[in-house]
Protein backbone atom coordinates (compact mmCIF):
# COMPACT_ATOMS: atom_id res chain seq x y z
CA UNK A 1 15.85 2.81 -11.19
CA UNK A 2 17.95 2.36 -14.34
CA UNK A 3 15.94 1.39 -17.42
CA UNK A 4 18.05 -1.66 -18.28
CA UNK A 5 17.28 -3.07 -14.83
CA UNK A 6 13.53 -2.55 -15.14
CA UNK A 7 11.05 -5.35 -15.67
CA UNK A 8 9.83 -3.71 -18.90
CA UNK A 9 13.31 -3.98 -20.43
CA UNK A 10 13.71 -7.59 -19.32
CA UNK A 11 10.29 -8.57 -20.65
CA UNK A 12 11.09 -6.78 -23.90
CA UNK A 13 14.34 -8.74 -24.30
CA UNK A 14 12.68 -12.06 -23.47
CA UNK A 15 9.72 -11.56 -25.79
CA UNK A 16 11.89 -10.22 -28.61
CA UNK A 17 14.29 -13.15 -28.32
CA UNK A 18 11.48 -15.68 -28.40
CA UNK A 19 9.72 -14.09 -31.37
CA UNK A 20 12.93 -13.58 -33.35
CA UNK A 21 13.87 -17.22 -32.68
CA UNK A 22 10.51 -18.33 -34.02
CA UNK A 23 11.00 -16.10 -37.05
CA UNK A 24 14.41 -17.61 -37.78
CA UNK A 25 13.03 -21.14 -37.43
CA UNK A 26 10.16 -20.35 -39.81
CA UNK A 27 12.50 -18.82 -42.40
CA UNK A 28 14.90 -21.75 -42.09
CA UNK A 29 12.10 -24.27 -42.57
CA UNK A 30 10.68 -22.33 -45.51
CA UNK A 31 13.96 -21.90 -47.34
CA UNK A 32 15.89 -25.07 -46.50
CA UNK A 33 13.25 -27.72 -45.75
CA UNK A 34 9.90 -26.82 -47.31
CA UNK A 35 11.63 -25.74 -50.53
CA UNK A 36 13.60 -28.94 -50.72
CA UNK A 37 10.54 -31.02 -50.05
CA UNK A 38 8.15 -29.40 -52.49
CA UNK A 39 10.24 -27.74 -55.22
CA UNK A 40 11.69 -29.82 -58.06
CA UNK A 41 13.81 -27.72 -60.36
CA UNK A 42 13.86 -27.64 -64.14
CA UNK A 43 17.39 -28.98 -63.97
CA UNK A 44 16.11 -32.04 -62.10
CA UNK A 45 13.49 -32.67 -64.78
CA UNK A 46 16.17 -32.57 -67.48
CA UNK A 47 18.19 -35.10 -65.54
CA UNK A 48 15.11 -37.31 -65.30
CA UNK A 49 15.00 -37.43 -69.08
CA UNK A 50 18.66 -38.49 -69.18
CA UNK A 51 17.89 -41.22 -66.66
CA UNK A 52 15.05 -42.47 -68.83
CA UNK A 53 17.38 -42.62 -71.81
CA UNK A 54 20.10 -44.30 -69.77
CA UNK A 55 18.00 -47.01 -68.26
CA UNK A 56 15.92 -47.85 -71.33
CA UNK A 57 18.44 -47.37 -74.12
CA UNK A 58 22.01 -47.24 -72.82
CA UNK A 59 21.78 -50.23 -70.49
CA UNK A 60 19.87 -52.15 -73.18
CA UNK A 61 22.72 -51.57 -75.63
CA UNK A 62 25.25 -52.95 -73.12
CA UNK A 63 23.27 -56.12 -72.66
CA UNK A 64 22.57 -56.65 -76.40
CA UNK A 65 26.31 -56.43 -77.29
CA UNK A 66 27.09 -59.54 -75.25
CA UNK A 67 24.74 -62.01 -76.95
CA UNK A 68 27.61 -64.06 -78.53
CA UNK A 69 29.07 -65.21 -75.22
CA UNK A 70 28.54 -68.96 -74.53
CA UNK A 71 28.03 -68.44 -70.80
CA UNK A 72 25.22 -66.09 -70.52
CA UNK A 73 25.85 -63.55 -67.70
CA UNK A 74 23.07 -61.81 -65.82
CA UNK A 75 22.08 -58.22 -66.52
CA UNK A 76 23.65 -57.18 -63.22
CA UNK A 77 26.98 -58.67 -64.26
CA UNK A 78 26.90 -56.91 -67.64
CA UNK A 79 26.86 -53.41 -66.10
CA UNK A 80 30.16 -51.69 -66.80
CA UNK A 81 31.21 -49.35 -63.98
CA UNK A 82 33.41 -47.29 -66.30
CA UNK A 83 30.48 -46.43 -68.56
CA UNK A 84 28.38 -45.75 -65.48
CA UNK A 85 30.97 -43.41 -64.03
CA UNK A 86 31.31 -41.50 -67.32
CA UNK A 87 27.58 -40.91 -67.37
CA UNK A 88 27.64 -39.77 -63.74
CA UNK A 89 30.34 -37.19 -64.41
CA UNK A 90 28.59 -35.83 -67.50
CA UNK A 91 25.20 -35.38 -65.82
CA UNK A 92 26.08 -34.79 -62.11
CA UNK A 93 24.13 -37.91 -61.26
CA UNK A 94 25.08 -40.85 -59.08
CA UNK A 95 23.88 -44.43 -59.47
CA UNK A 96 23.41 -47.37 -57.16
CA UNK A 97 22.48 -50.65 -58.90
CA UNK A 98 21.16 -53.69 -57.03
CA UNK A 99 20.71 -57.24 -58.27
CA UNK A 100 17.30 -58.86 -58.24
CA UNK A 101 17.77 -60.12 -54.67
CA UNK A 102 19.03 -56.72 -53.41
CA UNK A 103 22.07 -58.48 -52.01
CA UNK A 104 24.77 -57.24 -54.39
CA UNK A 105 25.47 -53.62 -55.18
CA UNK A 106 27.32 -51.97 -58.03
CA UNK A 107 28.50 -48.49 -57.20
CA UNK A 108 31.17 -46.28 -58.75
CA UNK A 109 34.17 -44.98 -56.88
CA UNK A 110 32.85 -41.46 -57.40
CA UNK A 111 29.59 -42.33 -55.65
CA UNK A 112 31.41 -44.05 -52.78
CA UNK A 113 33.44 -40.91 -52.08
CA UNK A 114 30.43 -38.58 -52.12
CA UNK A 115 27.85 -40.52 -50.18
CA UNK A 116 27.62 -41.82 -46.66
CA UNK A 117 27.09 -45.60 -46.55
CA UNK A 118 23.96 -44.84 -44.56
CA UNK A 119 22.40 -43.33 -47.71
CA UNK A 120 22.93 -46.60 -49.65
CA UNK A 121 21.29 -48.57 -46.84
CA UNK A 122 18.47 -46.03 -46.76
CA UNK A 123 17.84 -46.53 -50.53
CA UNK A 124 17.92 -50.32 -50.14
CA UNK A 125 15.36 -50.18 -47.29
CA UNK A 126 13.06 -47.97 -49.31
CA UNK A 127 13.15 -50.34 -52.31
CA UNK A 128 12.77 -53.39 -50.08
CA UNK A 129 9.73 -51.96 -48.28
CA UNK A 130 8.40 -50.34 -51.41
CA UNK A 131 8.10 -47.10 -49.40
CA UNK A 132 8.01 -44.31 -51.98
CA UNK A 133 5.71 -42.17 -54.09
CA UNK A 134 5.13 -42.40 -57.84
CA UNK A 135 6.23 -39.43 -59.98
CA UNK A 136 4.45 -38.71 -63.26
CA UNK A 137 6.28 -37.20 -66.24
CA UNK A 138 3.78 -35.19 -68.29
CA UNK A 139 6.10 -34.94 -71.34
CA UNK A 140 6.45 -38.70 -71.85
CA UNK A 141 3.49 -39.98 -69.87
CA UNK A 142 5.80 -42.26 -67.87
CA UNK A 143 5.66 -42.90 -64.13
CA UNK A 144 8.61 -43.57 -61.87
CA UNK A 145 9.01 -44.20 -58.10
CA UNK A 146 10.53 -41.18 -56.31
CA UNK A 147 11.63 -40.44 -52.74
CA UNK A 148 13.94 -38.12 -50.80
CA UNK A 149 16.86 -39.27 -48.67
CA UNK A 150 16.67 -38.41 -44.92
CA UNK A 151 19.74 -38.45 -42.71
CA UNK A 152 20.15 -40.28 -39.39
CA UNK A 153 18.36 -37.42 -37.56
CA UNK A 154 15.28 -37.60 -39.81
CA UNK A 155 16.18 -34.31 -41.49
CA UNK A 156 15.57 -34.19 -45.27
CA UNK A 157 18.68 -33.91 -47.46
CA UNK A 158 19.00 -32.31 -50.88
CA UNK A 159 19.13 -35.71 -52.64
CA UNK A 160 16.19 -37.10 -54.59
CA UNK A 161 16.17 -40.77 -55.69
CA UNK A 162 14.45 -42.12 -58.83
CA UNK A 163 14.14 -45.90 -58.83
CA UNK A 164 13.49 -48.15 -61.88
CA UNK A 165 13.38 -51.92 -62.34
CA UNK A 166 14.97 -53.12 -65.60
CA UNK A 167 13.81 -56.58 -66.67
CA UNK A 168 15.87 -58.71 -69.12
CA UNK A 169 13.60 -61.71 -68.69
CA UNK A 170 11.07 -62.94 -66.21
CA UNK A 171 13.79 -64.20 -63.93
CA UNK A 172 16.52 -61.66 -64.66
CA UNK A 173 16.19 -58.02 -63.66
CA UNK A 174 18.07 -55.24 -61.85
CA UNK A 175 17.17 -52.25 -59.64
CA UNK A 176 18.58 -48.90 -60.79
CA UNK A 177 18.54 -45.99 -58.29
CA UNK A 178 19.54 -42.58 -59.66
CA UNK A 179 20.54 -40.00 -57.02
CA UNK A 180 20.06 -36.37 -58.11
CA UNK A 181 21.08 -33.30 -56.04
CA UNK A 182 18.19 -30.89 -55.98
CA UNK A 183 18.72 -27.42 -57.46
CA UNK A 184 16.25 -24.67 -56.45
CA UNK A 185 15.17 -22.60 -59.39
CA UNK A 186 11.44 -22.37 -58.78
CA UNK A 187 9.81 -18.93 -58.89
CA UNK A 188 8.49 -19.07 -55.33
CA UNK A 189 11.92 -20.07 -53.98
CA UNK A 190 13.67 -17.23 -55.81
CA UNK A 191 11.11 -14.69 -54.64
CA UNK A 192 11.44 -15.93 -51.08
CA UNK A 193 15.22 -15.61 -51.20
CA UNK A 194 15.05 -12.21 -52.86
CA UNK A 195 12.72 -10.66 -50.31
CA UNK A 196 13.76 -12.70 -47.27
CA UNK A 197 15.93 -9.87 -45.86
CA UNK A 198 13.21 -7.24 -46.30
CA UNK A 199 10.61 -9.52 -44.78
CA UNK A 200 12.90 -10.30 -41.85
CA UNK A 201 13.64 -6.62 -41.19
CA UNK A 202 9.95 -5.76 -41.28
CA UNK A 203 9.09 -8.64 -38.96
CA UNK A 204 11.91 -7.71 -36.56
CA UNK A 205 10.61 -4.12 -36.33
CA UNK A 206 7.09 -5.46 -35.82
CA UNK A 207 8.39 -7.83 -33.16
CA UNK A 208 10.12 -4.95 -31.32
CA UNK A 209 6.92 -2.87 -31.34
CA UNK A 210 4.76 -5.80 -30.21
CA UNK A 211 7.32 -6.71 -27.53
CA UNK A 212 7.34 -3.16 -26.14
CA UNK A 213 3.53 -3.09 -26.04
CA UNK A 214 3.33 -6.52 -24.42
CA UNK A 215 6.09 -5.68 -21.93
CA UNK A 216 4.39 -2.42 -20.95
CA UNK A 217 1.01 -4.15 -20.74
CA UNK A 218 2.42 -6.82 -18.42
CA UNK A 219 4.52 -4.39 -16.34
CA UNK A 220 1.94 -1.57 -16.04
CA UNK A 221 0.02 -3.10 -13.08
CA UNK A 222 3.32 -3.99 -11.41
CA UNK A 223 4.43 -0.36 -11.74
CA UNK A 224 1.13 0.75 -10.17
CA UNK A 225 1.66 -1.68 -7.30
CA UNK A 226 5.21 -0.39 -6.84
CA UNK A 227 3.93 3.21 -6.75
CA UNK A 228 1.34 2.32 -4.11
CA UNK A 229 3.87 0.34 -2.07
CA UNK A 230 6.26 3.33 -2.15
CA UNK A 231 3.49 5.58 -0.83
CA UNK A 232 2.71 3.07 1.93
CA UNK A 233 6.42 2.90 2.81
CA UNK A 234 6.32 6.68 3.35
CA UNK A 235 3.17 6.23 5.54
CA UNK A 236 0.88 7.76 2.92
CA UNK A 237 -2.18 5.52 2.75
CA UNK A 238 -4.28 7.65 0.37
CA UNK A 239 -3.00 5.80 -2.72
CA UNK A 240 -4.84 2.59 -3.65
CA UNK A 241 -4.07 -0.12 -6.24
CA UNK A 242 -6.89 0.29 -8.77
CA UNK A 243 -6.27 -3.01 -10.61
CA UNK A 244 -9.31 -5.01 -11.72
CA UNK A 245 -7.44 -8.02 -13.15
CA UNK A 246 -8.69 -11.38 -11.88
CA UNK A 247 -5.22 -12.93 -11.75
CA UNK A 248 -2.19 -13.15 -9.46
CA UNK A 249 -1.35 -9.46 -9.98
CA UNK A 250 -4.93 -8.44 -9.20
CA UNK A 251 -4.85 -10.60 -6.08
CA UNK A 252 -1.56 -8.97 -5.05
CA UNK A 253 -3.10 -5.51 -5.55
CA UNK A 254 -6.08 -6.42 -3.34
CA UNK A 255 -3.74 -7.78 -0.68
CA UNK A 256 -1.71 -4.55 -0.71
CA UNK A 257 -4.93 -2.49 -0.40
CA UNK A 258 -6.00 -4.60 2.59
CA UNK A 259 -2.53 -4.27 4.11
CA UNK A 260 -2.66 -0.48 3.57
CA UNK A 261 -6.09 -0.29 5.22
CA UNK A 262 -4.98 -2.39 8.20
CA UNK A 263 -1.75 -0.43 8.60
CA UNK A 264 -3.63 2.87 8.45
CA UNK A 265 -6.11 1.69 11.10
CA UNK A 266 -3.34 0.28 13.28
CA UNK A 267 -1.27 3.46 13.05
CA UNK A 268 -4.40 5.52 13.71
CA UNK A 269 -5.11 3.46 16.83
CA UNK A 270 -1.48 3.75 17.91
CA UNK A 271 -1.60 7.49 17.31
CA UNK A 272 -4.78 7.80 19.37
CA UNK A 273 -3.27 5.62 22.08
CA UNK A 274 -0.09 7.72 22.09
CA UNK A 275 -2.14 10.91 22.17
CA UNK A 276 -4.21 9.57 25.05
CA UNK A 277 -1.06 8.42 26.81
CA UNK A 278 0.49 11.86 26.30
CA UNK A 279 -2.63 13.48 27.71
CA UNK A 280 -2.55 11.10 30.65
CA UNK A 281 1.11 11.92 31.23
CA UNK A 282 0.38 15.64 30.99
CA UNK A 283 -2.55 15.20 33.36
CA UNK A 284 -0.38 13.18 35.73
CA UNK A 285 2.28 15.90 35.70
CA UNK A 286 -0.42 18.51 36.24
CA UNK A 287 -1.90 16.50 39.09
CA UNK A 288 1.54 16.07 40.63
CA UNK A 289 2.08 19.80 40.37
CA UNK A 290 -1.35 20.52 41.86
CA UNK A 291 -0.68 18.01 44.62
CA UNK A 292 2.61 19.70 45.50
CA UNK A 293 0.97 23.12 45.36
CA UNK A 294 -1.94 21.84 47.42
CA UNK A 295 0.35 20.36 50.08
CA UNK A 296 2.39 23.55 50.11
CA UNK A 297 -0.74 25.69 50.42
CA UNK A 298 -2.28 23.51 53.14
CA UNK A 299 1.02 23.51 55.03
CA UNK A 300 1.21 27.28 54.76
CA UNK A 301 -2.44 27.72 55.79
CA UNK A 302 -1.96 25.59 58.91
CA UNK A 303 1.55 26.73 59.75
CA UNK A 304 0.62 30.35 60.50
CA UNK A 305 -2.26 29.68 62.94
CA UNK A 306 -0.35 26.82 64.60
CA UNK A 307 2.63 29.14 65.12
CA UNK A 308 0.37 31.81 66.62
CA UNK A 309 -1.44 29.33 68.85
CA UNK A 310 1.83 27.84 70.04
CA UNK A 311 3.37 31.26 70.78
CA UNK A 312 0.39 32.58 72.70
CA UNK A 313 -0.02 29.28 74.57
CA UNK A 314 3.62 29.39 75.73
CA UNK A 315 3.24 33.04 76.82
CA UNK A 316 0.20 32.10 78.92
CA UNK A 317 1.95 29.05 80.34
CA UNK A 318 5.02 31.05 81.33
CA UNK A 319 2.84 33.90 82.74
CA UNK A 320 4.45 36.27 80.25
CA UNK A 321 1.07 37.56 79.05
CA UNK A 322 -0.73 39.50 81.77
CA UNK A 323 -3.96 41.49 81.82
CA UNK A 324 -5.04 42.71 78.35
CA UNK A 325 -2.25 40.78 76.68
CA UNK A 326 -3.59 37.59 78.23
CA UNK A 327 -7.09 38.36 76.89
CA UNK A 328 -5.62 39.08 73.42
CA UNK A 329 -3.76 35.77 73.54
CA UNK A 330 -6.96 33.88 74.36
CA UNK A 331 -8.87 35.69 71.62
CA UNK A 332 -6.14 35.02 69.03
CA UNK A 333 -5.99 31.33 69.95
CA UNK A 334 -9.77 31.07 69.62
CA UNK A 335 -9.84 32.93 66.27
CA UNK A 336 -7.06 30.81 64.75
CA UNK A 337 -8.70 27.64 66.01
CA UNK A 338 -11.98 28.64 64.36
CA UNK A 339 -10.15 29.50 61.13
CA UNK A 340 -8.43 26.09 61.07
CA UNK A 341 -11.77 24.45 61.76
CA UNK A 342 -13.31 26.33 58.84
CA UNK A 343 -10.35 25.37 56.62
CA UNK A 344 -10.76 21.69 57.45
CA UNK A 345 -14.51 21.88 56.82
CA UNK A 346 -13.95 23.61 53.47
CA UNK A 347 -11.43 20.95 52.43
CA UNK A 348 -13.85 18.20 53.37
CA UNK A 349 -16.66 19.94 51.52
CA UNK A 350 -14.55 20.42 48.39
CA UNK A 351 -13.55 16.76 48.53
CA UNK A 352 -17.21 15.78 48.85
CA UNK A 353 -18.27 17.93 45.89
CA UNK A 354 -15.48 16.54 43.68
CA UNK A 355 -16.09 12.91 44.65
CA UNK A 356 -17.63 10.55 42.11
CA UNK A 357 -21.33 9.89 42.65
CA UNK A 358 -22.12 13.06 44.60
CA UNK A 359 -25.72 14.15 43.89
CA UNK A 360 -27.26 17.59 44.22
CA UNK A 361 -30.55 18.21 45.97
CA UNK A 362 -32.35 19.65 42.95
CA UNK A 363 -35.45 21.77 43.50
CA UNK A 364 -37.25 24.79 42.08
CA UNK A 365 -36.71 28.19 43.71
CA UNK A 366 -36.75 31.90 42.94
CA UNK A 367 -33.21 33.08 42.37
CA UNK A 368 -34.10 36.74 42.94
CA UNK A 369 -35.30 35.95 46.49
CA UNK A 370 -32.10 34.00 47.21
CA UNK A 371 -29.93 36.91 46.01
CA UNK A 372 -31.79 39.36 48.24
CA UNK A 373 -31.50 37.00 51.21
CA UNK A 374 -27.72 36.50 50.83
CA UNK A 375 -26.86 40.13 50.02
CA UNK A 376 -28.78 41.35 53.08
CA UNK A 377 -26.25 39.54 55.31
CA UNK A 378 -23.43 41.62 53.85
CA UNK A 379 -25.06 45.07 54.20
CA UNK A 380 -23.48 45.81 57.59
CA UNK A 381 -20.03 44.65 56.52
CA UNK A 382 -20.27 46.73 53.33
CA UNK A 383 -21.38 49.76 55.32
CA UNK A 384 -18.47 49.37 57.77
CA UNK A 385 -16.04 49.40 54.84
CA UNK A 386 -17.78 52.29 53.01
CA UNK A 387 -18.75 49.97 50.15
CA UNK A 388 -21.98 50.52 48.24
CA UNK A 389 -23.92 47.27 47.77
CA UNK A 390 -26.33 47.71 44.82
CA UNK A 391 -29.21 45.26 44.44
CA UNK A 392 -31.87 46.06 41.85
CA UNK A 393 -35.53 45.19 42.26
CA UNK A 394 -35.77 41.94 40.34
CA UNK A 395 -38.87 40.31 38.99
CA UNK A 396 -39.51 36.73 40.03
CA UNK A 397 -37.27 34.25 38.16
CA UNK A 398 -37.94 30.57 38.83
CA UNK A 399 -34.89 28.35 38.40
CA UNK A 400 -33.95 24.72 39.05
CA UNK A 401 -30.93 23.67 41.10
CA UNK A 402 -29.60 22.95 44.59
CA UNK A 403 -30.68 26.07 46.51
CA UNK A 404 -28.27 25.50 49.41
CA UNK A 405 -25.25 25.04 47.13
CA UNK A 406 -26.18 28.06 44.97
CA UNK A 407 -26.39 30.15 48.16
CA UNK A 408 -22.81 29.02 48.92
CA UNK A 409 -21.74 30.29 45.49
CA UNK A 410 -23.41 33.65 46.14
CA UNK A 411 -21.76 33.89 49.58
CA UNK A 412 -18.34 33.12 48.11
CA UNK A 413 -18.69 35.57 45.18
CA UNK A 414 -20.00 38.44 47.38
CA UNK A 415 -17.41 37.73 50.08
CA UNK A 416 -14.66 37.73 47.44
CA UNK A 417 -16.01 41.02 46.03
CA UNK A 418 -15.99 42.68 49.49
CA UNK A 419 -12.44 41.48 50.16
CA UNK A 420 -11.20 43.03 46.88
CA UNK A 421 -13.24 46.28 46.81
CA UNK A 422 -11.47 49.41 48.10
CA UNK A 423 -13.14 51.95 50.41
CA UNK A 424 -15.81 54.07 48.72
CA UNK A 425 -16.10 51.35 46.06
CA UNK A 426 -19.21 49.49 45.00
CA UNK A 427 -20.57 45.99 44.47
CA UNK A 428 -23.38 45.51 41.95
CA UNK A 429 -25.59 42.40 41.77
CA UNK A 430 -27.67 41.90 38.60
CA UNK A 431 -29.89 39.36 36.83
CA UNK A 432 -30.24 38.90 33.08
CA UNK A 433 -32.98 36.61 31.83
CA UNK A 434 -31.91 34.95 28.55
CA UNK A 435 -34.41 32.55 26.93
CA UNK A 436 -33.94 29.26 28.85
CA UNK A 437 -31.49 30.42 31.49
CA UNK A 438 -30.68 33.35 33.75
CA UNK A 439 -27.28 34.99 34.15
CA UNK A 440 -26.31 36.17 37.67
CA UNK A 441 -23.47 38.75 37.80
CA UNK A 442 -21.55 40.19 40.78
CA UNK A 443 -19.36 43.13 39.76
CA UNK A 444 -17.04 45.02 42.14
CA UNK A 445 -14.93 48.09 41.57
CA UNK A 446 -11.20 47.90 42.08
CA UNK A 447 -8.14 46.52 40.34
CA UNK A 448 -8.39 44.28 37.32
CA UNK A 449 -7.06 40.73 37.44
CA UNK A 450 -4.10 39.91 35.20
CA UNK A 451 -5.43 38.09 32.12
CA UNK A 452 -2.88 35.29 32.63
CA UNK A 453 -4.29 34.67 36.12
CA UNK A 454 -8.04 34.77 35.41
CA UNK A 455 -8.13 31.06 34.50
CA UNK A 456 -6.20 30.11 37.67
CA UNK A 457 -8.32 31.90 40.28
CA UNK A 458 -10.57 28.81 40.48
CA UNK A 459 -7.69 26.63 41.66
CA UNK A 460 -7.41 25.47 45.26
CA UNK A 461 -5.57 27.98 47.52
CA UNK A 462 -4.72 30.20 44.54
CA UNK A 463 -4.67 33.91 45.38
CA UNK A 464 -3.99 36.85 43.12
CA UNK A 465 -2.43 38.55 46.16
CA UNK A 466 0.72 36.48 46.69
CA UNK A 467 1.31 37.79 50.20
CA UNK A 468 -1.72 35.76 51.40
CA UNK A 469 -2.96 38.66 53.48
CA UNK A 470 -5.53 37.44 56.02
CA UNK A 471 -6.84 40.87 56.85
CA UNK A 472 -10.37 39.93 55.88
CA UNK A 473 -10.20 36.18 56.63
CA UNK A 474 -10.95 33.39 54.17
CA UNK A 475 -9.29 30.07 53.38
CA UNK A 476 -8.57 30.42 49.65
CA UNK A 477 -11.03 27.63 48.88
CA UNK A 478 -14.18 29.68 48.21
CA UNK A 479 -13.80 29.94 44.41
CA UNK A 480 -12.67 26.31 44.13
CA UNK A 481 -15.80 25.19 45.99
CA UNK A 482 -17.95 27.49 43.81
CA UNK A 483 -16.41 25.99 40.67
CA UNK A 484 -17.25 22.44 41.82
CA UNK A 485 -20.85 23.41 42.61
CA UNK A 486 -21.40 25.23 39.30
CA UNK A 487 -19.92 22.36 37.26
CA UNK A 488 -22.33 19.97 38.97
CA UNK A 489 -25.11 22.29 37.74
CA UNK A 490 -23.67 22.34 34.17
CA UNK A 491 -23.50 26.10 34.56
CA UNK A 492 -21.56 28.56 32.45
CA UNK A 493 -19.39 30.57 34.83
CA UNK A 494 -16.35 32.81 34.77
CA UNK A 495 -14.72 36.12 35.60
CA UNK A 496 -14.03 39.09 33.33
CA UNK A 497 -12.35 42.44 33.76
CA UNK A 498 -14.56 45.52 33.41
CA UNK A 499 -13.55 49.17 32.93
CA UNK A 500 -13.96 49.74 36.69
CA UNK A 501 -13.09 46.38 38.21
CA UNK A 502 -13.98 42.69 37.96
CA UNK A 503 -17.23 40.82 37.28
CA UNK A 504 -17.98 37.22 38.33
CA UNK A 505 -20.98 35.47 36.75
CA UNK A 506 -22.77 32.13 36.45
CA UNK A 507 -25.95 30.80 34.84
CA UNK A 508 -28.89 28.62 35.92
CA UNK A 509 -31.69 26.98 33.95
CA UNK A 510 -35.04 28.75 34.22
CA UNK A 511 -38.55 27.30 34.32
CA UNK A 512 -41.20 29.04 32.27
C-alpha cells in the first residue's frame, strides 16, 4: 500500500489541519482582537489630552465670542464645522456632536466619508443607553466615558470613542463624541508581532510531531487487525489480535479472533470430513476391487470342477467311458463334488467369522497339547512326501481362546506348509513363552515369498502360485479364515521369510 493512501497519512493530515487552524485562530485573536481590546497606545493618550483641551477650552472660546448677539443661540448651534474639521485633520481625530435631545447631529464632511452611518447610530445608542465604561486619566485625575465600536457582526473595530457632556447652563448642553483610531505601540504587542513567526514555526513543528504520534497511536491497532486479517485470508490462523482496548477497535479485534477460531474449527472439521470421505472412497474402491477379484476367484474355483463333472457325466451318458475309464470318471466327479462342497462350506464359515456380532467360545486349554494333536494327523502325509515334521517336547502352556477355532488355524498353517515344502524338506513347530503371551511358529523349508506379496497372502483366494495348481487340494480360503479367527482373538500374526524358507506365527494370551 502506498503511504499517501494509508490511514496514518490521512489522520496526520486531518489532525495537522485542525491544530494549525486552531493556531491561526489563536494568533489572529491575540494580534487583531485581544490587542485592540486591551492595548491603548501612547498616541491615543496624547490624543485624549487634545480632546480635553478641545472640549473644555476651544469649544468654550467659541461660545464666549458670541455673547453680543441679541438672539441667544444654543451651544449646539454655535459649533463651527470648519473649526471642527481643522482640528480633526491636525490630530487624526473625528467628531460627532449631538444636541441635548440626541436628535440633531453635527458631523464634518471628512467624518461622513470615513465612517459607516452604522457607526454613528452605534455611538448614539451607546450614549442613549449609557452603555460604556469610565476611563481614568492619571495625569490630570479626570474621568471620561470610553467604549469601542463594534461592527454589524459584533466584531470589534479599531475605533475607540471618548464621550463628554459639555454644559453651558442647566438647560443647555451638548454631547461630544471623539473617535480615535487605535495605534498599537504597547510592548507586549510589539513582542508578539516580533516573535509571532518563530512561535508559529515552533508550534507547527510541534503539531506535526504530535500529529504523527497521534496518527500512529490511532492506526497501530488497525494495522495489527489488518495483519491478522491478511493471515486469516491466507488460511493461517496462528496469528491473533492482541488488542486490549475496551472500545470499538478492541471489540473488532475480539470479533476477528472469534471468527478466526470458528473458521479454523470449521476448516478442521471439513478437512477431517474430506479425509474421512477420501478414506471411504478409497475403501469403496478397494471393496469393489476385492468384490471383482472375489467373484473372479469364485467363478474360477467353480468353473474347473463343473467343467470336469460335466465332461465326465457326458462321457458316462454316451457310454464313451468304459471299464477303468468309467471308474475314473465316477471318482473324479465325486472328488470335484466334495471339493465344491468344501469350498462352499469355507465361504460360509468365512462369512460367519467376518459377520458383526459373531462370538468366540472362549475357554482355557493347553496349547502344547493342541499342537501335538493337530500335527499328529499330518505325520503320514509328511512321511509320504519325504517331509520331516519336527515337534519339540513342550512344557504345559495354559492359554485362553476358542480351542476349536485355534485348531483350524493350526490345520491351515500346517496344511499350507506341507503344500509349499519340497521333498526332503522340513516343517518345524515351536512355542516361545513371552511374559503374558505365547508365540506359536510354523516354519517350512522352501522358496521365500516375494516381500510385495507377503501382506496379500491373507486375502481371499489369493495364491502366490498364479497357476492355481490343485495338486495338493485346498480352496485358497485357509489363510483368510485363519486371519479372521486370529483377529477375533486380538492376536499378533504374520509371515516372514527365513534363510531356508517361510515362517508363519501367531500369539495367544497365557494364564499364569
